[in-house]
Amino acid sequence: MPTRHSESHRSSRVGWLRAAVLGANDGIVSVSGLVVGVAASGASHETVLASGVAALAAGAMSMAAGEYVSVQSQADTELADLAIERRELAAQPQFELNELTHIYVRRGLEPELARQVAEQLTAHDALAAHARDELGITDTLRARPVQAAFASATAFVSGGVLPMASVLLSPASIVQPVTIAVTISALFVSGALAARAGGAPMLRGAARVAFWGALAMAVSSGVGSLFDVSV
């Protein structure tokens, strides 16, 4: 009797997870770094708040546009490679069949079995077989620019809202320490969640993200303190 065997893999999350993790961390670090830097310069509470809102809006659009352009470039490359493969299959089907056979031989199959596998997969869907086994293009890992852009922008806003909330809710005199504390806590949480979603150790992921976020805020605060403004 056949048994039902189900496995849950994380590779299907790669397309949106990378963009979401990058967006959330960038939202937290960018907005908090700007807020801490502007506050360190001596600017008023209203100016700090306005700067944070501007950073939140501009950052979300920048992340979406950058992610879309980057992933679309990957998608264009994939489409170009598939077009080349489609032409080669039409012009030289026997050569492509031999090529697929050699790929399976290099992966450990006996030549006769490799030939049979290549012939059956070619008969079923030659382009899909070459895309997967020659080019490394699969439906699971294929570039999805709109998905990546949406995930990145949404995550950026979600992350950037946290330091903005600390500016709104904390007294002007303690904006910096409150924002720093909120940011480091948020980075610990986001790093742990990202590590969990990706199957990595949560503590290591949290510590790595929090360290770089704290460093970014320290640099921003140091730069801001070089200026003495009153707005």
N, C-alpha and C. Protein backbone atom coordinates (compact mmCIF):
# COMPACT_ATOMS: atom_id res chain seq x y z
N MET A 1 0.85 -1.20 0.00
CA MET A 1 0.00 0.00 0.00
C MET A 1 0.88 1.25 0.00
N PRO A 2 0.61 2.20 -0.88
CA PRO A 2 1.39 3.43 -0.86
C PRO A 2 1.07 4.26 0.37
N THR A 3 2.07 4.90 0.90
CA THR A 3 1.87 5.75 2.07
C THR A 3 1.98 7.21 1.65
N ARG A 4 1.20 8.02 2.32
CA ARG A 4 1.23 9.45 2.02
C ARG A 4 2.40 10.08 2.76
N HIS A 5 3.23 10.77 2.00
CA HIS A 5 4.43 11.38 2.59
C HIS A 5 4.45 12.85 2.19
N SER A 6 4.34 13.70 3.17
CA SER A 6 4.33 15.12 2.87
C SER A 6 5.52 15.80 3.52
N GLU A 7 6.15 16.66 2.76
CA GLU A 7 7.31 17.41 3.25
C GLU A 7 7.07 18.89 3.04
N SER A 8 7.56 19.66 3.99
CA SER A 8 7.42 21.11 3.89
C SER A 8 8.81 21.71 3.72
N HIS A 9 9.07 22.24 2.53
CA HIS A 9 10.36 22.85 2.25
C HIS A 9 10.24 24.37 2.22
N ARG A 10 11.35 25.03 2.46
CA ARG A 10 11.34 26.48 2.55
C ARG A 10 11.80 27.17 1.28
N SER A 11 12.25 26.41 0.29
CA SER A 11 12.77 27.03 -0.92
C SER A 11 11.70 27.79 -1.68
N SER A 12 10.42 27.41 -1.52
CA SER A 12 9.35 28.12 -2.21
C SER A 12 9.16 29.53 -1.67
N ARG A 13 9.74 29.82 -0.51
CA ARG A 13 9.60 31.15 0.09
C ARG A 13 10.68 32.12 -0.34
N VAL A 14 11.66 31.62 -1.06
CA VAL A 14 12.83 32.44 -1.35
C VAL A 14 12.47 33.74 -2.06
N GLY A 15 11.55 33.65 -3.04
CA GLY A 15 11.23 34.81 -3.85
C GLY A 15 10.75 35.99 -3.04
N TRP A 16 9.82 35.74 -2.10
CA TRP A 16 9.29 36.86 -1.32
C TRP A 16 10.00 37.03 0.02
N LEU A 17 10.58 35.95 0.56
CA LEU A 17 11.19 36.05 1.88
C LEU A 17 12.41 36.97 1.86
N ARG A 18 13.26 36.83 0.86
CA ARG A 18 14.44 37.70 0.78
C ARG A 18 14.04 39.16 0.70
N ALA A 19 13.05 39.45 -0.17
CA ALA A 19 12.60 40.83 -0.33
C ALA A 19 11.95 41.35 0.95
N ALA A 20 11.17 40.50 1.62
CA ALA A 20 10.48 40.93 2.83
C ALA A 20 11.45 41.18 3.98
N VAL A 21 12.42 40.29 4.13
CA VAL A 21 13.42 40.46 5.20
C VAL A 21 14.24 41.72 4.95
N LEU A 22 14.68 41.89 3.71
CA LEU A 22 15.45 43.09 3.38
C LEU A 22 14.62 44.35 3.60
N GLY A 23 13.35 44.33 3.18
CA GLY A 23 12.50 45.49 3.33
C GLY A 23 12.23 45.84 4.78
N ALA A 24 11.91 44.83 5.59
CA ALA A 24 11.61 45.08 7.01
C ALA A 24 12.82 45.62 7.74
N ASN A 25 13.96 44.98 7.55
CA ASN A 25 15.17 45.45 8.23
C ASN A 25 15.58 46.83 7.76
N ASP A 26 15.45 47.07 6.45
CA ASP A 26 15.81 48.39 5.93
C ASP A 26 14.86 49.46 6.46
N GLY A 27 13.56 49.10 6.57
CA GLY A 27 12.60 50.05 7.12
C GLY A 27 12.93 50.41 8.55
N ILE A 28 13.23 49.42 9.35
CA ILE A 28 13.56 49.68 10.76
C ILE A 28 14.84 50.51 10.87
N VAL A 29 15.89 50.06 10.18
CA VAL A 29 17.20 50.69 10.32
C VAL A 29 17.24 52.07 9.67
N SER A 30 16.68 52.19 8.46
CA SER A 30 16.74 53.47 7.75
C SER A 30 15.98 54.57 8.48
N VAL A 31 14.73 54.26 8.84
CA VAL A 31 13.91 55.28 9.49
C VAL A 31 14.44 55.61 10.88
N SER A 32 14.81 54.60 11.64
CA SER A 32 15.34 54.86 12.98
C SER A 32 16.68 55.59 12.91
N GLY A 33 17.52 55.20 11.95
CA GLY A 33 18.80 55.90 11.81
C GLY A 33 18.62 57.36 11.48
N LEU A 34 17.66 57.65 10.58
CA LEU A 34 17.41 59.05 10.22
C LEU A 34 16.84 59.81 11.41
N VAL A 35 15.89 59.19 12.10
CA VAL A 35 15.27 59.85 13.26
C VAL A 35 16.31 60.14 14.34
N VAL A 36 17.14 59.17 14.64
CA VAL A 36 18.17 59.36 15.67
C VAL A 36 19.18 60.42 15.23
N GLY A 37 19.57 60.39 13.96
CA GLY A 37 20.53 61.37 13.47
C GLY A 37 19.98 62.78 13.51
N VAL A 38 18.73 62.95 13.07
CA VAL A 38 18.12 64.29 13.09
C VAL A 38 17.92 64.76 14.52
N ALA A 39 17.50 63.86 15.41
CA ALA A 39 17.32 64.24 16.81
C ALA A 39 18.64 64.63 17.45
N ALA A 40 19.71 63.93 17.08
CA ALA A 40 21.03 64.25 17.64
C ALA A 40 21.54 65.60 17.19
N SER A 41 21.02 66.10 16.06
CA SER A 41 21.46 67.41 15.58
C SER A 41 20.84 68.56 16.35
N GLY A 42 19.84 68.26 17.19
CA GLY A 42 19.19 69.31 17.97
C GLY A 42 17.91 69.81 17.34
N ALA A 43 17.42 69.15 16.30
CA ALA A 43 16.20 69.58 15.64
C ALA A 43 15.00 69.39 16.55
N SER A 44 13.91 70.10 16.25
CA SER A 44 12.71 70.02 17.06
C SER A 44 12.01 68.69 16.87
N HIS A 45 11.09 68.40 17.78
CA HIS A 45 10.34 67.15 17.72
C HIS A 45 9.53 67.06 16.43
N GLU A 46 8.95 68.19 16.01
CA GLU A 46 8.17 68.20 14.77
C GLU A 46 9.03 67.91 13.55
N THR A 47 10.24 68.44 13.56
CA THR A 47 11.15 68.19 12.44
C THR A 47 11.59 66.73 12.40
N VAL A 48 11.84 66.17 13.55
CA VAL A 48 12.21 64.75 13.63
C VAL A 48 11.07 63.89 13.08
N LEU A 49 9.84 64.23 13.48
CA LEU A 49 8.68 63.47 13.02
C LEU A 49 8.49 63.60 11.51
N ALA A 50 8.60 64.83 11.00
CA ALA A 50 8.43 65.05 9.56
C ALA A 50 9.51 64.32 8.77
N SER A 51 10.72 64.32 9.27
CA SER A 51 11.82 63.62 8.60
C SER A 51 11.55 62.12 8.55
N GLY A 52 11.02 61.58 9.64
CA GLY A 52 10.71 60.16 9.68
C GLY A 52 9.61 59.78 8.70
N VAL A 53 8.57 60.62 8.61
CA VAL A 53 7.47 60.34 7.66
C VAL A 53 7.98 60.37 6.23
N ALA A 54 8.81 61.38 5.93
CA ALA A 54 9.38 61.48 4.58
C ALA A 54 10.25 60.26 4.27
N ALA A 55 11.03 59.84 5.24
CA ALA A 55 11.89 58.67 5.03
C ALA A 55 11.06 57.41 4.82
N LEU A 56 9.94 57.31 5.53
CA LEU A 56 9.08 56.14 5.40
C LEU A 56 8.47 56.05 4.00
N ALA A 57 7.95 57.19 3.51
CA ALA A 57 7.33 57.20 2.18
C ALA A 57 8.37 56.98 1.08
N ALA A 58 9.46 57.74 1.15
CA ALA A 58 10.49 57.63 0.11
C ALA A 58 11.15 56.26 0.12
N GLY A 59 11.39 55.73 1.31
CA GLY A 59 12.04 54.44 1.41
C GLY A 59 11.19 53.31 0.86
N ALA A 60 9.88 53.35 1.13
CA ALA A 60 8.99 52.31 0.62
C ALA A 60 8.97 52.31 -0.90
N MET A 61 8.87 53.49 -1.50
CA MET A 61 8.86 53.57 -2.95
C MET A 61 10.20 53.15 -3.54
N SER A 62 11.27 53.55 -2.87
CA SER A 62 12.60 53.19 -3.36
C SER A 62 12.82 51.69 -3.30
N MET A 63 12.38 51.06 -2.21
CA MET A 63 12.54 49.62 -2.07
C MET A 63 11.73 48.89 -3.14
N ALA A 64 10.48 49.34 -3.35
CA ALA A 64 9.63 48.69 -4.34
C ALA A 64 10.23 48.81 -5.74
N ALA A 65 10.66 50.03 -6.08
CA ALA A 65 11.22 50.25 -7.42
C ALA A 65 12.52 49.48 -7.61
N GLY A 66 13.39 49.55 -6.61
CA GLY A 66 14.67 48.85 -6.71
C GLY A 66 14.51 47.35 -6.80
N GLU A 67 13.60 46.81 -5.99
CA GLU A 67 13.38 45.36 -6.01
C GLU A 67 12.77 44.92 -7.33
N TYR A 68 11.83 45.72 -7.83
CA TYR A 68 11.19 45.36 -9.10
C TYR A 68 12.20 45.36 -10.24
N VAL A 69 12.99 46.43 -10.33
CA VAL A 69 13.97 46.52 -11.41
C VAL A 69 14.99 45.40 -11.32
N SER A 70 15.45 45.11 -10.10
CA SER A 70 16.45 44.06 -9.91
C SER A 70 15.92 42.69 -10.30
N VAL A 71 14.74 42.36 -9.79
CA VAL A 71 14.18 41.03 -10.07
C VAL A 71 13.70 40.93 -11.51
N GLN A 72 13.22 42.06 -12.07
CA GLN A 72 12.81 42.04 -13.47
C GLN A 72 14.00 41.78 -14.39
N SER A 73 15.16 42.28 -14.02
CA SER A 73 16.37 42.00 -14.79
C SER A 73 16.67 40.51 -14.78
N GLN A 74 16.49 39.89 -13.63
CA GLN A 74 16.67 38.43 -13.55
C GLN A 74 15.64 37.72 -14.41
N ALA A 75 14.39 38.19 -14.37
CA ALA A 75 13.33 37.57 -15.17
C ALA A 75 13.62 37.73 -16.66
N ASP A 76 14.12 38.90 -17.05
CA ASP A 76 14.47 39.12 -18.47
C ASP A 76 15.56 38.16 -18.92
N THR A 77 16.54 37.94 -18.05
CA THR A 77 17.62 37.01 -18.37
C THR A 77 17.08 35.59 -18.52
N GLU A 78 16.18 35.21 -17.63
CA GLU A 78 15.59 33.87 -17.72
C GLU A 78 14.81 33.70 -19.03
N LEU A 79 14.03 34.72 -19.39
CA LEU A 79 13.24 34.65 -20.62
C LEU A 79 14.15 34.58 -21.85
N ALA A 80 15.26 35.34 -21.82
CA ALA A 80 16.20 35.31 -22.94
C ALA A 80 16.84 33.93 -23.07
N ASP A 81 17.22 33.34 -21.94
CA ASP A 81 17.81 32.00 -21.97
C ASP A 81 16.81 30.96 -22.48
N LEU A 82 15.56 31.09 -22.06
CA LEU A 82 14.53 30.16 -22.52
C LEU A 82 14.28 30.30 -24.03
N ALA A 83 14.36 31.53 -24.52
CA ALA A 83 14.18 31.75 -25.96
C ALA A 83 15.30 31.10 -26.75
N ILE A 84 16.53 31.23 -26.24
CA ILE A 84 17.67 30.58 -26.90
C ILE A 84 17.49 29.07 -26.90
N GLU A 85 17.08 28.53 -25.75
CA GLU A 85 16.90 27.08 -25.64
C GLU A 85 15.78 26.60 -26.57
N ARG A 86 14.73 27.38 -26.68
CA ARG A 86 13.62 27.00 -27.57
C ARG A 86 14.09 26.93 -29.02
N ARG A 87 14.91 27.90 -29.44
CA ARG A 87 15.44 27.89 -30.81
C ARG A 87 16.36 26.70 -31.04
N GLU A 88 17.19 26.39 -30.04
CA GLU A 88 18.12 25.26 -30.19
C GLU A 88 17.37 23.93 -30.26
N LEU A 89 16.29 23.82 -29.50
CA LEU A 89 15.50 22.59 -29.55
C LEU A 89 14.85 22.41 -30.92
N ALA A 90 14.45 23.51 -31.52
CA ALA A 90 13.83 23.43 -32.84
C ALA A 90 14.87 23.15 -33.93
N ALA A 91 16.06 23.72 -33.78
CA ALA A 91 17.09 23.59 -34.82
C ALA A 91 17.92 22.32 -34.69
N GLN A 92 18.22 21.92 -33.47
CA GLN A 92 19.11 20.78 -33.23
C GLN A 92 18.55 19.87 -32.14
N PRO A 93 17.44 19.22 -32.38
CA PRO A 93 16.82 18.39 -31.33
C PRO A 93 17.70 17.23 -30.87
N GLN A 94 18.45 16.62 -31.79
CA GLN A 94 19.29 15.49 -31.42
C GLN A 94 20.45 15.94 -30.54
N PHE A 95 21.04 17.06 -30.89
CA PHE A 95 22.14 17.60 -30.08
C PHE A 95 21.64 17.93 -28.67
N GLU A 96 20.44 18.51 -28.57
CA GLU A 96 19.89 18.86 -27.26
C GLU A 96 19.57 17.61 -26.45
N LEU A 97 19.12 16.56 -27.13
CA LEU A 97 18.86 15.30 -26.44
C LEU A 97 20.15 14.72 -25.89
N ASN A 98 21.22 14.76 -26.68
CA ASN A 98 22.52 14.28 -26.20
C ASN A 98 23.02 15.12 -25.02
N GLU A 99 22.78 16.40 -25.12
CA GLU A 99 23.22 17.30 -24.04
C GLU A 99 22.50 16.96 -22.74
N LEU A 100 21.21 16.71 -22.81
CA LEU A 100 20.44 16.36 -21.63
C LEU A 100 20.90 15.01 -21.07
N THR A 101 21.21 14.08 -21.97
CA THR A 101 21.71 12.78 -21.54
C THR A 101 23.01 12.92 -20.75
N HIS A 102 23.93 13.73 -21.27
CA HIS A 102 25.22 13.93 -20.59
C HIS A 102 25.04 14.58 -19.22
N ILE A 103 24.05 15.45 -19.11
CA ILE A 103 23.78 16.09 -17.81
C ILE A 103 23.41 15.02 -16.78
N TYR A 104 22.56 14.07 -17.16
CA TYR A 104 22.13 13.04 -16.23
C TYR A 104 23.25 12.04 -15.93
N VAL A 105 24.11 11.82 -16.92
CA VAL A 105 25.27 10.95 -16.69
C VAL A 105 26.19 11.59 -15.65
N ARG A 106 26.43 12.88 -15.79
CA ARG A 106 27.30 13.58 -14.83
C ARG A 106 26.68 13.60 -13.43
N ARG A 107 25.38 13.45 -13.37
CA ARG A 107 24.72 13.44 -12.06
C ARG A 107 24.67 12.05 -11.44
N GLY A 108 25.16 11.06 -12.16
CA GLY A 108 25.29 9.74 -11.56
C GLY A 108 24.51 8.62 -12.18
N LEU A 109 23.73 8.89 -13.23
CA LEU A 109 22.97 7.82 -13.86
C LEU A 109 23.84 7.05 -14.84
N GLU A 110 23.52 5.77 -15.01
CA GLU A 110 24.18 4.98 -16.04
C GLU A 110 23.79 5.54 -17.42
N PRO A 111 24.69 5.47 -18.39
CA PRO A 111 24.40 6.06 -19.71
C PRO A 111 23.08 5.61 -20.32
N GLU A 112 22.78 4.32 -20.24
CA GLU A 112 21.54 3.83 -20.84
C GLU A 112 20.32 4.40 -20.13
N LEU A 113 20.38 4.42 -18.81
CA LEU A 113 19.27 4.96 -18.04
C LEU A 113 19.14 6.47 -18.27
N ALA A 114 20.29 7.15 -18.33
CA ALA A 114 20.28 8.59 -18.59
C ALA A 114 19.63 8.90 -19.93
N ARG A 115 19.91 8.04 -20.92
CA ARG A 115 19.31 8.24 -22.25
C ARG A 115 17.79 8.06 -22.18
N GLN A 116 17.36 7.03 -21.46
CA GLN A 116 15.93 6.79 -21.34
C GLN A 116 15.22 7.95 -20.63
N VAL A 117 15.84 8.44 -19.58
CA VAL A 117 15.26 9.57 -18.84
C VAL A 117 15.18 10.79 -19.74
N ALA A 118 16.27 11.06 -20.47
CA ALA A 118 16.30 12.22 -21.36
C ALA A 118 15.23 12.11 -22.44
N GLU A 119 15.07 10.94 -23.00
CA GLU A 119 14.07 10.75 -24.06
C GLU A 119 12.66 10.94 -23.52
N GLN A 120 12.38 10.39 -22.34
CA GLN A 120 11.04 10.50 -21.80
C GLN A 120 10.71 11.94 -21.39
N LEU A 121 11.66 12.60 -20.78
CA LEU A 121 11.41 13.99 -20.39
C LEU A 121 11.29 14.90 -21.61
N THR A 122 12.07 14.62 -22.65
CA THR A 122 11.98 15.40 -23.88
C THR A 122 10.62 15.20 -24.53
N ALA A 123 10.15 13.97 -24.53
CA ALA A 123 8.84 13.70 -25.11
C ALA A 123 7.73 14.38 -24.31
N HIS A 124 7.91 14.47 -23.01
CA HIS A 124 6.88 15.10 -22.17
C HIS A 124 6.89 16.61 -22.30
N ASP A 125 8.05 17.24 -22.09
CA ASP A 125 8.19 18.70 -22.21
C ASP A 125 9.68 19.02 -22.29
N ALA A 126 10.16 19.11 -23.51
CA ALA A 126 11.61 19.28 -23.72
C ALA A 126 12.11 20.59 -23.14
N LEU A 127 11.37 21.67 -23.35
CA LEU A 127 11.83 22.98 -22.86
C LEU A 127 11.88 22.99 -21.33
N ALA A 128 10.88 22.43 -20.69
CA ALA A 128 10.87 22.40 -19.22
C ALA A 128 12.05 21.58 -18.69
N ALA A 129 12.36 20.48 -19.36
CA ALA A 129 13.48 19.65 -18.92
C ALA A 129 14.79 20.40 -19.01
N HIS A 130 15.01 21.09 -20.13
CA HIS A 130 16.27 21.84 -20.29
C HIS A 130 16.31 23.06 -19.37
N ALA A 131 15.15 23.70 -19.19
CA ALA A 131 15.12 24.85 -18.28
C ALA A 131 15.52 24.43 -16.87
N ARG A 132 15.01 23.32 -16.42
CA ARG A 132 15.28 22.85 -15.07
C ARG A 132 16.69 22.30 -14.92
N ASP A 133 17.08 21.40 -15.82
CA ASP A 133 18.31 20.64 -15.62
C ASP A 133 19.54 21.24 -16.28
N GLU A 134 19.35 22.07 -17.29
CA GLU A 134 20.49 22.72 -17.93
C GLU A 134 20.67 24.16 -17.44
N LEU A 135 19.55 24.89 -17.33
CA LEU A 135 19.62 26.30 -16.96
C LEU A 135 19.37 26.56 -15.49
N GLY A 136 18.80 25.60 -14.79
CA GLY A 136 18.52 25.79 -13.37
C GLY A 136 17.31 26.68 -13.10
N ILE A 137 16.40 26.79 -14.06
CA ILE A 137 15.21 27.62 -13.92
C ILE A 137 14.03 26.70 -13.55
N THR A 138 13.43 26.95 -12.40
CA THR A 138 12.27 26.17 -11.96
C THR A 138 11.12 27.11 -11.61
N ASP A 139 9.92 26.58 -11.58
CA ASP A 139 8.77 27.39 -11.21
C ASP A 139 8.89 27.89 -9.78
N THR A 140 9.47 27.08 -8.90
CA THR A 140 9.58 27.46 -7.49
C THR A 140 10.50 28.65 -7.30
N LEU A 141 11.64 28.66 -8.01
CA LEU A 141 12.65 29.69 -7.80
C LEU A 141 12.66 30.75 -8.90
N ARG A 142 11.68 30.73 -9.78
CA ARG A 142 11.66 31.67 -10.89
C ARG A 142 11.44 33.09 -10.39
N ALA A 143 12.04 34.06 -11.07
CA ALA A 143 11.94 35.46 -10.66
C ALA A 143 10.50 35.96 -10.79
N ARG A 144 10.01 36.64 -9.74
CA ARG A 144 8.67 37.22 -9.74
C ARG A 144 8.79 38.67 -9.28
N PRO A 145 9.01 39.61 -10.20
CA PRO A 145 9.30 40.99 -9.83
C PRO A 145 8.18 41.71 -9.07
N VAL A 146 6.93 41.51 -9.48
CA VAL A 146 5.82 42.20 -8.81
C VAL A 146 5.69 41.70 -7.37
N GLN A 147 5.78 40.40 -7.19
CA GLN A 147 5.71 39.83 -5.85
C GLN A 147 6.83 40.37 -4.97
N ALA A 148 8.04 40.42 -5.51
CA ALA A 148 9.19 40.91 -4.73
C ALA A 148 9.04 42.38 -4.39
N ALA A 149 8.56 43.19 -5.34
CA ALA A 149 8.38 44.63 -5.10
C ALA A 149 7.33 44.87 -4.02
N PHE A 150 6.21 44.17 -4.11
CA PHE A 150 5.14 44.34 -3.12
C PHE A 150 5.60 43.90 -1.74
N ALA A 151 6.28 42.77 -1.67
CA ALA A 151 6.76 42.26 -0.38
C ALA A 151 7.76 43.22 0.24
N SER A 152 8.64 43.76 -0.58
CA SER A 152 9.67 44.66 -0.08
C SER A 152 9.08 45.96 0.45
N ALA A 153 8.17 46.57 -0.33
CA ALA A 153 7.57 47.84 0.08
C ALA A 153 6.71 47.67 1.33
N THR A 154 5.91 46.61 1.35
CA THR A 154 5.04 46.36 2.50
C THR A 154 5.87 46.11 3.76
N ALA A 155 6.92 45.34 3.62
CA ALA A 155 7.77 45.04 4.77
C ALA A 155 8.51 46.30 5.25
N PHE A 156 8.92 47.14 4.30
CA PHE A 156 9.60 48.39 4.68
C PHE A 156 8.69 49.26 5.54
N VAL A 157 7.45 49.43 5.09
CA VAL A 157 6.50 50.24 5.86
C VAL A 157 6.25 49.61 7.22
N SER A 158 6.08 48.29 7.25
CA SER A 158 5.84 47.61 8.53
C SER A 158 7.00 47.81 9.49
N GLY A 159 8.21 47.73 8.96
CA GLY A 159 9.37 47.95 9.82
C GLY A 159 9.54 49.40 10.22
N GLY A 160 9.32 50.33 9.27
CA GLY A 160 9.51 51.74 9.55
C GLY A 160 8.49 52.33 10.50
N VAL A 161 7.32 51.70 10.60
CA VAL A 161 6.28 52.20 11.51
C VAL A 161 6.73 52.13 12.96
N LEU A 162 7.58 51.17 13.29
CA LEU A 162 8.00 50.99 14.69
C LEU A 162 8.80 52.18 15.21
N PRO A 163 9.87 52.61 14.54
CA PRO A 163 10.56 53.81 15.04
C PRO A 163 9.69 55.06 14.96
N MET A 164 8.78 55.14 13.98
CA MET A 164 7.89 56.28 13.91
C MET A 164 6.96 56.32 15.11
N ALA A 165 6.49 55.16 15.55
CA ALA A 165 5.63 55.09 16.73
C ALA A 165 6.38 55.56 17.97
N SER A 166 7.66 55.22 18.05
CA SER A 166 8.45 55.65 19.21
C SER A 166 8.61 57.17 19.23
N VAL A 167 8.72 57.79 18.05
CA VAL A 167 8.81 59.25 17.97
C VAL A 167 7.49 59.90 18.39
N LEU A 168 6.41 59.33 17.91
CA LEU A 168 5.09 59.88 18.22
C LEU A 168 4.74 59.77 19.70
N LEU A 169 5.10 58.66 20.32
CA LEU A 169 4.61 58.37 21.67
C LEU A 169 5.58 58.76 22.77
N SER A 170 6.83 59.05 22.44
CA SER A 170 7.80 59.38 23.49
C SER A 170 7.98 60.89 23.60
N PRO A 171 8.28 61.39 24.79
CA PRO A 171 8.56 62.82 24.95
C PRO A 171 9.78 63.24 24.13
N ALA A 172 9.78 64.50 23.71
CA ALA A 172 10.86 64.99 22.84
C ALA A 172 12.23 64.82 23.48
N SER A 173 12.31 64.92 24.80
CA SER A 173 13.60 64.87 25.47
C SER A 173 14.25 63.49 25.45
N ILE A 174 13.46 62.45 25.20
CA ILE A 174 14.03 61.09 25.23
C ILE A 174 13.74 60.34 23.93
N VAL A 175 13.58 61.08 22.84
CA VAL A 175 13.30 60.43 21.56
C VAL A 175 14.42 59.48 21.17
N GLN A 176 15.66 59.92 21.33
CA GLN A 176 16.79 59.08 20.92
C GLN A 176 16.85 57.74 21.66
N PRO A 177 16.93 57.75 23.00
CA PRO A 177 17.05 56.45 23.69
C PRO A 177 15.84 55.54 23.46
N VAL A 178 14.65 56.14 23.40
CA VAL A 178 13.46 55.31 23.18
C VAL A 178 13.50 54.69 21.78
N THR A 179 13.86 55.49 20.79
CA THR A 179 13.93 54.97 19.41
C THR A 179 14.98 53.89 19.29
N ILE A 180 16.12 54.09 19.93
CA ILE A 180 17.19 53.09 19.89
C ILE A 180 16.72 51.78 20.53
N ALA A 181 16.06 51.89 21.69
CA ALA A 181 15.60 50.68 22.38
C ALA A 181 14.55 49.95 21.55
N VAL A 182 13.61 50.70 20.99
CA VAL A 182 12.55 50.09 20.16
C VAL A 182 13.15 49.44 18.93
N THR A 183 14.10 50.12 18.31
CA THR A 183 14.71 49.61 17.08
C THR A 183 15.47 48.31 17.33
N ILE A 184 16.30 48.29 18.36
CA ILE A 184 17.07 47.08 18.65
C ILE A 184 16.14 45.92 18.99
N SER A 185 15.09 46.20 19.75
CA SER A 185 14.12 45.14 20.07
C SER A 185 13.43 44.63 18.81
N ALA A 186 13.03 45.57 17.94
CA ALA A 186 12.36 45.18 16.70
C ALA A 186 13.29 44.38 15.80
N LEU A 187 14.57 44.76 15.77
CA LEU A 187 15.53 44.04 14.94
C LEU A 187 15.76 42.63 15.46
N PHE A 188 15.77 42.48 16.78
CA PHE A 188 15.89 41.14 17.35
C PHE A 188 14.72 40.27 16.91
N VAL A 189 13.52 40.84 16.99
CA VAL A 189 12.32 40.08 16.62
C VAL A 189 12.32 39.74 15.13
N SER A 190 12.60 40.76 14.29
CA SER A 190 12.59 40.52 12.84
C SER A 190 13.68 39.55 12.42
N GLY A 191 14.84 39.66 13.03
CA GLY A 191 15.92 38.73 12.72
C GLY A 191 15.58 37.31 13.12
N ALA A 192 14.94 37.16 14.28
CA ALA A 192 14.55 35.82 14.74
C ALA A 192 13.47 35.23 13.85
N LEU A 193 12.48 36.04 13.47
CA LEU A 193 11.41 35.55 12.61
C LEU A 193 11.93 35.18 11.22
N ALA A 194 12.83 36.01 10.69
CA ALA A 194 13.40 35.70 9.38
C ALA A 194 14.21 34.41 9.43
N ALA A 195 14.97 34.23 10.51
CA ALA A 195 15.76 33.00 10.66
C ALA A 195 14.85 31.79 10.77
N ARG A 196 13.76 31.94 11.51
CA ARG A 196 12.82 30.83 11.67
C ARG A 196 12.16 30.47 10.33
N ALA A 197 11.75 31.50 9.58
CA ALA A 197 11.12 31.25 8.28
C ALA A 197 12.09 30.59 7.31
N GLY A 198 13.37 30.93 7.42
CA GLY A 198 14.36 30.36 6.53
C GLY A 198 15.01 29.10 7.04
N GLY A 199 14.66 28.67 8.26
CA GLY A 199 15.22 27.44 8.81
C GLY A 199 16.59 27.60 9.44
N ALA A 200 16.99 28.84 9.76
CA ALA A 200 18.30 29.09 10.36
C ALA A 200 18.14 29.24 11.87
N PRO A 201 19.24 29.17 12.64
CA PRO A 201 19.16 29.38 14.09
C PRO A 201 18.62 30.77 14.42
N MET A 202 17.60 30.85 15.25
CA MET A 202 16.93 32.12 15.52
C MET A 202 17.81 33.10 16.27
N LEU A 203 18.55 32.62 17.27
CA LEU A 203 19.37 33.52 18.08
C LEU A 203 20.47 34.15 17.24
N ARG A 204 21.10 33.35 16.41
CA ARG A 204 22.17 33.87 15.55
C ARG A 204 21.63 34.92 14.58
N GLY A 205 20.47 34.63 13.96
CA GLY A 205 19.87 35.58 13.04
C GLY A 205 19.49 36.87 13.73
N ALA A 206 18.91 36.77 14.93
CA ALA A 206 18.50 37.96 15.67
C ALA A 206 19.70 38.81 16.05
N ALA A 207 20.75 38.17 16.55
CA ALA A 207 21.94 38.91 16.98
C ALA A 207 22.62 39.60 15.81
N ARG A 208 22.68 38.92 14.66
CA ARG A 208 23.32 39.50 13.48
C ARG A 208 22.59 40.76 13.02
N VAL A 209 21.28 40.68 12.93
CA VAL A 209 20.50 41.82 12.46
C VAL A 209 20.57 42.97 13.46
N ALA A 210 20.46 42.67 14.74
CA ALA A 210 20.49 43.72 15.77
C ALA A 210 21.85 44.41 15.80
N PHE A 211 22.92 43.67 15.62
CA PHE A 211 24.26 44.27 15.64
C PHE A 211 24.41 45.33 14.55
N TRP A 212 24.04 44.96 13.31
CA TRP A 212 24.22 45.91 12.21
C TRP A 212 23.26 47.09 12.33
N GLY A 213 22.09 46.86 12.87
CA GLY A 213 21.16 47.97 13.09
C GLY A 213 21.70 48.94 14.13
N ALA A 214 22.25 48.41 15.23
CA ALA A 214 22.83 49.27 16.27
C ALA A 214 24.01 50.06 15.72
N LEU A 215 24.81 49.41 14.89
CA LEU A 215 25.96 50.11 14.29
C LEU A 215 25.49 51.25 13.39
N ALA A 216 24.44 51.01 12.62
CA ALA A 216 23.91 52.05 11.73
C ALA A 216 23.40 53.24 12.52
N MET A 217 22.70 52.98 13.61
CA MET A 217 22.19 54.08 14.44
C MET A 217 23.33 54.84 15.12
N ALA A 218 24.36 54.13 15.53
CA ALA A 218 25.50 54.79 16.16
C ALA A 218 26.18 55.75 15.18
N VAL A 219 26.35 55.29 13.95
CA VAL A 219 26.96 56.15 12.94
C VAL A 219 26.07 57.36 12.65
N SER A 220 24.76 57.13 12.52
CA SER A 220 23.83 58.23 12.24
C SER A 220 23.82 59.24 13.38
N SER A 221 23.82 58.74 14.60
CA SER A 221 23.83 59.65 15.75
C SER A 221 25.13 60.45 15.80
N GLY A 222 26.24 59.79 15.49
CA GLY A 222 27.52 60.50 15.48
C GLY A 222 27.56 61.59 14.43
N VAL A 223 27.04 61.31 13.24
CA VAL A 223 27.01 62.32 12.19
C VAL A 223 26.08 63.46 12.58
N GLY A 224 24.90 63.12 13.14
CA GLY A 224 23.95 64.16 13.54
C GLY A 224 24.50 65.07 14.62
N SER A 225 25.27 64.51 15.54
CA SER A 225 25.80 65.32 16.65
C SER A 225 26.87 66.30 16.18
N LEU A 226 27.36 66.15 14.96
CA LEU A 226 28.34 67.11 14.44
C LEU A 226 27.69 68.44 14.08
N PHE A 227 26.36 68.43 13.97
CA PHE A 227 25.63 69.64 13.62
C PHE A 227 24.86 70.13 14.83
N ASP A 228 24.72 71.41 14.92
CA ASP A 228 23.97 72.01 16.02
C ASP A 228 22.92 72.92 15.40
N VAL A 229 21.71 72.37 15.23
CA VAL A 229 20.67 73.15 14.59
C VAL A 229 19.50 73.34 15.55
N SER A 230 18.74 74.34 15.30
CA SER A 230 17.54 74.61 16.09
C SER A 230 16.44 74.98 15.13
N VAL A 231 15.48 74.08 14.98
CA VAL A 231 14.42 74.28 14.00
C VAL A 231 13.08 74.36 14.74
